[in-house]
Protein backbone atom coordinates (compact mmCIF):
# COMPACT_ATOMS: atom_id res chain seq x y z
CA MET A 1 -301.00 -115.70 70.70
CA GLY A 2 -303.15 -118.12 72.36
CA ALA A 3 -306.23 -117.99 74.93
CA GLY A 4 -305.47 -121.46 76.55
CA ARG A 5 -305.10 -121.57 80.24
CA VAL A 6 -301.12 -120.12 79.95
CA GLY A 7 -301.99 -117.37 77.86
CA VAL A 8 -305.13 -116.34 80.07
CA THR A 9 -303.10 -116.56 83.17
CA LEU A 10 -300.44 -114.51 81.31
CA ALA A 11 -302.72 -112.21 79.88
CA GLU A 12 -304.73 -111.46 83.20
CA THR A 13 -301.23 -111.10 84.86
CA LEU A 14 -300.06 -108.31 82.82
CA GLU A 15 -303.20 -106.24 82.59
CA LYS A 16 -303.69 -106.44 86.45
CA GLN A 17 -299.70 -104.76 86.68
CA GLY A 18 -301.12 -102.15 84.23
CA HIS A 19 -300.28 -103.16 80.84
CA SER A 20 -302.52 -102.68 77.67
CA VAL A 21 -302.95 -106.81 76.29
CA ALA A 22 -304.33 -108.02 73.25
CA VAL A 23 -305.08 -111.64 72.56
CA ILE A 24 -305.36 -113.85 69.36
CA ASP A 25 -306.65 -117.05 69.35
CA SER A 26 -308.19 -118.59 66.26
CA ASN A 27 -310.99 -120.22 68.33
CA PRO A 28 -313.51 -117.18 69.48
CA GLU A 29 -315.00 -119.85 72.00
CA ALA A 30 -311.36 -119.80 73.99
CA PHE A 31 -311.96 -116.18 74.72
CA ARG A 32 -314.96 -117.60 77.70
CA ARG A 33 -311.96 -118.37 79.40
CA PHE A 34 -311.19 -114.95 80.77
CA GLY A 35 -312.81 -113.17 83.81
CA PRO A 36 -315.15 -110.64 83.91
CA ASP A 37 -312.90 -107.60 84.75
CA PHE A 38 -310.30 -108.65 81.67
CA SER A 39 -310.51 -105.43 79.23
CA GLY A 40 -307.92 -106.68 76.57
CA ARG A 41 -308.29 -106.80 72.86
CA ARG A 42 -309.97 -109.81 71.73
CA VAL A 43 -309.02 -110.85 68.11
CA THR A 44 -310.00 -113.92 66.33
CA GLY A 45 -307.39 -115.16 63.67
CA LEU A 46 -304.37 -116.94 63.30
CA GLY A 47 -300.92 -115.47 65.73
CA PHE A 48 -299.07 -115.04 62.54
CA ASP A 49 -301.28 -113.70 60.10
CA ARG A 50 -300.15 -110.07 59.30
CA ASP A 51 -304.11 -108.82 59.06
CA ALA A 52 -304.74 -110.41 62.58
CA LEU A 53 -301.51 -109.20 63.91
CA THR A 54 -302.32 -105.67 62.51
CA GLN A 55 -305.74 -105.67 63.97
CA ALA A 56 -304.26 -106.90 67.72
CA GLY A 57 -301.96 -103.96 67.73
CA ILE A 58 -298.49 -105.28 66.77
CA GLU A 59 -297.14 -102.18 65.51
CA GLU A 60 -297.37 -100.58 68.82
CA ALA A 61 -296.13 -103.80 70.59
CA TYR A 62 -293.38 -104.16 73.55
CA ALA A 63 -293.42 -107.38 73.36
CA PHE A 64 -295.38 -110.79 71.79
CA ALA A 65 -295.87 -114.28 73.51
CA ALA A 66 -296.74 -117.40 71.20
CA VAL A 67 -298.38 -119.77 73.65
CA SER A 68 -300.79 -121.48 71.54
CA ASN A 69 -300.79 -125.39 71.34
CA GLY A 70 -298.59 -125.76 68.05
CA ASP A 71 -295.02 -125.53 68.10
CA ASN A 72 -294.77 -124.83 64.48
CA SER A 73 -297.42 -121.83 64.68
CA ASN A 74 -295.71 -120.60 68.02
CA ILE A 75 -292.23 -120.45 66.27
CA LEU A 76 -293.76 -119.06 62.79
CA ALA A 77 -295.78 -115.90 64.43
CA ALA A 78 -292.64 -115.12 66.58
CA ARG A 79 -290.27 -115.42 63.58
CA VAL A 80 -293.30 -112.85 61.66
CA VAL A 81 -293.15 -110.62 64.82
CA ARG A 82 -289.52 -110.12 65.29
CA GLU A 83 -288.30 -110.00 61.33
CA THR A 84 -291.86 -108.35 59.50
CA PHE A 85 -292.74 -106.00 62.71
CA GLY A 86 -289.25 -105.63 64.35
CA VAL A 87 -290.58 -106.17 68.20
CA ASP A 88 -287.61 -107.55 69.98
CA ASN A 89 -289.24 -108.78 72.95
CA VAL A 90 -290.49 -111.99 71.51
CA VAL A 91 -290.86 -115.81 73.63
CA ALA A 92 -292.16 -119.05 72.27
CA ARG A 93 -293.64 -122.17 73.99
CA ILE A 94 -292.35 -125.29 72.62
CA TYR A 95 -293.54 -128.64 73.54
CA ASP A 96 -289.94 -130.16 72.15
CA ALA A 97 -287.08 -129.59 73.95
CA GLY A 98 -284.58 -130.41 71.15
CA ARG A 99 -286.67 -128.13 68.64
CA ALA A 100 -286.43 -125.34 71.92
CA ALA A 101 -282.67 -125.49 72.12
CA ILE A 102 -282.22 -124.74 68.34
CA TYR A 103 -284.52 -122.28 68.10
CA SER A 104 -283.00 -120.34 71.44
CA ARG A 105 -279.58 -120.42 69.66
CA LEU A 106 -281.16 -118.94 66.39
CA GLY A 107 -282.19 -116.09 68.68
CA ILE A 108 -285.37 -116.70 69.33
CA PRO A 109 -286.18 -117.37 73.16
CA THR A 110 -288.37 -120.57 74.01
CA VAL A 111 -289.76 -122.04 76.50
CA ALA A 112 -289.34 -125.49 76.41
CA THR A 113 -292.67 -126.91 78.59
CA VAL A 114 -292.08 -130.24 78.89
CA ARG A 115 -288.50 -129.92 79.45
CA TRP A 116 -288.98 -127.56 82.03
CA THR A 117 -292.00 -129.53 84.01
CA ALA A 118 -289.55 -132.38 84.13
CA ASP A 119 -286.86 -130.19 85.40
CA GLN A 120 -289.25 -128.92 88.41
CA MET A 121 -290.49 -132.29 88.94
CA MET A 122 -286.96 -133.73 89.51
CA ARG A 123 -285.72 -130.61 91.42
CA ARG A 124 -288.10 -132.03 94.00
CA LEU A 125 -287.30 -135.79 93.73
CA LEU A 126 -283.99 -135.06 93.91
CA PRO A 127 -282.98 -132.15 96.03
CA ALA A 128 -279.00 -132.79 95.45
CA ARG A 129 -279.74 -131.22 91.75
CA GLU A 130 -279.03 -128.19 89.65
CA LEU A 131 -281.97 -126.48 87.81
CA THR A 132 -281.43 -124.75 85.02
CA GLU A 133 -283.20 -121.60 85.03
CA PHE A 134 -281.30 -119.85 82.13
CA THR A 135 -279.28 -120.65 79.14
CA ASP A 136 -278.18 -117.87 76.62
CA ALA A 137 -278.91 -118.19 72.95
CA SER A 138 -275.30 -119.41 72.24
CA GLY A 139 -275.77 -122.64 74.53
CA ARG A 140 -272.51 -121.52 76.51
CA VAL A 141 -273.55 -119.68 79.56
CA THR A 142 -276.17 -120.91 82.03
CA VAL A 143 -277.66 -119.81 85.42
CA GLN A 144 -278.31 -122.99 87.23
CA GLU A 145 -280.02 -123.06 90.75
CA MET A 146 -278.45 -125.33 92.87
CA THR A 147 -278.44 -127.27 96.36
CA VAL A 148 -275.79 -126.37 99.17
CA HIS A 149 -274.74 -128.86 101.88
CA ARG A 150 -275.79 -127.20 105.10
CA ALA A 151 -272.04 -127.36 106.27
CA TRP A 152 -271.81 -124.50 103.75
CA ILE A 153 -273.72 -122.18 106.53
CA GLY A 154 -271.93 -119.71 107.83
CA ARG A 155 -269.21 -119.76 105.13
CA PRO A 156 -268.27 -116.69 102.56
CA LEU A 157 -269.87 -117.10 99.36
CA ALA A 158 -266.14 -116.21 97.94
CA GLN A 159 -265.12 -119.63 99.54
CA LEU A 160 -268.14 -121.41 97.88
CA GLU A 161 -267.33 -120.00 94.57
CA ARG A 162 -263.54 -120.54 94.98
CA ALA A 163 -264.27 -124.50 95.68
CA ALA A 164 -266.72 -124.95 93.19
CA GLY A 165 -264.90 -122.82 90.41
CA ALA A 166 -267.89 -121.13 89.40
CA ARG A 167 -269.63 -117.68 89.75
CA VAL A 168 -272.54 -117.03 91.91
CA ALA A 169 -274.91 -114.65 90.05
CA PHE A 170 -277.73 -114.19 93.02
CA LEU A 171 -279.16 -115.53 96.43
CA THR A 172 -282.75 -115.94 97.00
CA ARG A 173 -283.02 -114.97 100.56
CA TRP A 174 -286.49 -115.59 102.43
CA GLY A 175 -288.07 -115.48 99.34
CA ALA A 176 -286.52 -112.36 97.48
CA GLY A 177 -283.47 -112.28 95.35
CA GLU A 178 -279.90 -110.54 96.79
CA LEU A 179 -276.93 -109.65 94.60
CA VAL A 180 -274.17 -110.86 96.06
CA ARG A 181 -271.93 -108.52 98.00
CA PRO A 182 -268.51 -109.61 98.95
CA ASP A 183 -269.47 -109.93 102.82
CA HIS A 184 -272.20 -112.45 101.92
CA VAL A 185 -272.19 -115.68 103.75
CA VAL A 186 -274.41 -118.59 102.95
CA GLN A 187 -277.24 -118.82 105.20
CA GLU A 188 -279.70 -121.29 106.23
CA ASN A 189 -282.31 -121.90 103.31
CA ASP A 190 -280.50 -119.66 101.18
CA VAL A 191 -281.06 -120.52 97.14
CA VAL A 192 -277.77 -120.36 95.55
CA HIS A 193 -277.96 -119.21 91.70
CA VAL A 194 -274.59 -120.19 89.90
CA LEU A 195 -273.35 -118.71 86.73
CA CYS A 196 -271.30 -121.64 84.63
CA GLU A 197 -270.91 -123.45 81.61
CA PRO A 198 -273.60 -126.06 80.89
CA GLU A 199 -271.31 -129.11 80.89
CA ARG A 200 -269.77 -128.15 84.36
CA ALA A 201 -273.24 -127.87 85.97
CA ASN A 202 -272.82 -131.60 87.22
CA THR A 203 -269.42 -131.03 88.77
CA VAL A 204 -270.23 -128.00 90.33
CA GLN A 205 -273.09 -129.17 92.05
CA ARG A 206 -271.38 -132.10 93.34
CA VAL A 207 -269.13 -129.56 94.94
CA LEU A 208 -271.69 -127.81 96.55
CA ALA A 209 -273.25 -130.85 97.91
CA THR A 210 -270.82 -132.20 99.75
CA PRO A 211 -269.14 -130.62 103.07
CA PRO A 212 -266.31 -127.54 102.22
CA VAL A 213 -262.65 -128.96 102.27
CA LYS A 214 -260.53 -126.82 104.36
CA GLU A 215 -258.60 -124.30 102.44
CA GLU A 216 -254.76 -124.52 102.22
CA SER A 217 -253.41 -121.44 104.25
């Protein structure tokens, strides 16, 4: 739902990957944003209207993304799709970060646009800072991208985990994700993604942003 820049990019990307796509927007002029090669279904209507959803093929849908410009419309559409049509894979874009957190805890995955953009900017302004990549619906577990001090290069990841009191969920090495192995050591340019409680993220980042302390034998 939503044929703005995000919706169009998402729809065209999914179609290029071989998926069948339908797009709903209340403004028929919005569909002009699509390139000439896009062959997905276009439905003029409201994304939370059952008739529009049915016309778009929601009863056969695997997933639904609500990316209109309205928080209320996105949440309402996401709830209708999940609760009425039984689609499990639903996500809603929300501009209000506080509301996004509430809806996530209610089981509706959300992307808080302003919060995400601010995090990305802060990450580049202050590199020694954690960046939230995922938080579970209860808000008790998070995956954070964290900066690691150069002095950790060549050290075992197991040592890094012990010092931080947290688990490394995975690494990004030369642009590709890697699951952690027992023999992994930190290499230059590694991006470390840490699994921890949200309230401990700052503490873990401070540990990783400083040189390792010599472990007692």
